[in-house]
Amino acid sequence: MNSYVIGMLEQVYGKDTFGHCGGIECKFACFSGSYALYDNTNWIRAGEAEDKTH
C-alpha cells in the first residue's frame, strides 16, 4: 500500500521527491509488534530533539 501511495505522490510532486520515505507492511504479529515499538520510540525521541541546537 505504501508503495502505491508514494508512487501517486511522486506523480504530483516529481520523481524521487519521496526517496527518503519508507514503509513496512506488517503481516506477521511478532515482527509487527517489534517494529511498532521501535518506530514509536524513534518518533518520541525525534520530538525530544526539536528545540535543541548542536
Protein backbone atom coordinates (compact mmCIF):
# COMPACT_ATOMS: atom_id res chain seq x y z
CA MET A 1 0.00 0.00 0.00
CA ASN A 2 2.75 2.44 0.90
CA SER A 3 4.50 1.92 -2.46
CA TYR A 4 1.26 2.79 -4.23
CA VAL A 5 0.74 5.98 -2.20
CA ILE A 6 4.35 7.12 -2.65
CA GLY A 7 4.07 6.41 -6.38
CA MET A 8 0.93 8.52 -6.64
CA LEU A 9 2.53 11.39 -4.70
CA GLU A 10 5.61 11.26 -6.94
CA GLN A 11 3.35 11.70 -9.97
CA VAL A 12 2.26 15.03 -8.49
CA TYR A 13 5.49 16.25 -6.86
CA GLY A 14 8.11 14.69 -9.13
CA LYS A 15 10.18 11.54 -9.31
CA ASP A 16 12.28 10.70 -6.23
CA THR A 17 10.78 13.51 -4.13
CA PHE A 18 9.80 10.89 -1.56
CA GLY A 19 13.03 8.88 -1.74
CA HIS A 20 13.63 9.49 1.96
CA CYS A 21 10.26 7.95 2.88
CA GLY A 22 9.83 4.32 3.61
CA GLY A 23 7.27 1.99 4.93
CA ILE A 24 6.72 -1.52 6.03
CA GLU A 25 3.93 -3.99 5.54
CA CYS A 26 3.13 -5.60 8.87
CA LYS A 27 1.96 -9.12 8.11
CA PHE A 28 3.46 -11.12 10.95
CA ALA A 29 2.50 -10.46 14.56
CA CYS A 30 5.94 -10.93 16.11
CA PHE A 31 7.66 -8.59 13.67
CA SER A 32 4.80 -6.10 13.58
CA GLY A 33 4.81 -5.64 17.35
CA SER A 34 8.58 -5.24 17.50
CA TYR A 35 8.63 -2.77 14.62
CA ALA A 36 5.76 -0.74 16.09
CA LEU A 37 7.66 -0.41 19.38
CA TYR A 38 10.87 0.58 17.56
CA ASP A 39 9.04 3.07 15.32
CA ASN A 40 7.21 4.74 18.21
CA THR A 41 10.42 5.01 20.22
CA ASN A 42 12.08 6.81 17.31
CA TRP A 43 9.07 9.10 16.95
CA ILE A 44 9.22 10.04 20.64
CA ARG A 45 12.99 10.59 20.55
CA ALA A 46 12.65 12.79 17.46
CA GLY A 47 10.34 15.07 19.43
CA GLU A 48 12.94 15.39 22.19
CA ALA A 49 15.41 16.95 19.76
CA GLU A 50 13.09 19.52 18.17
CA ASP A 51 14.28 22.59 20.08
CA LYS A 52 17.89 21.57 20.69
CA THR A 53 20.85 23.08 18.88
CA HIS A 54 24.23 21.44 18.36
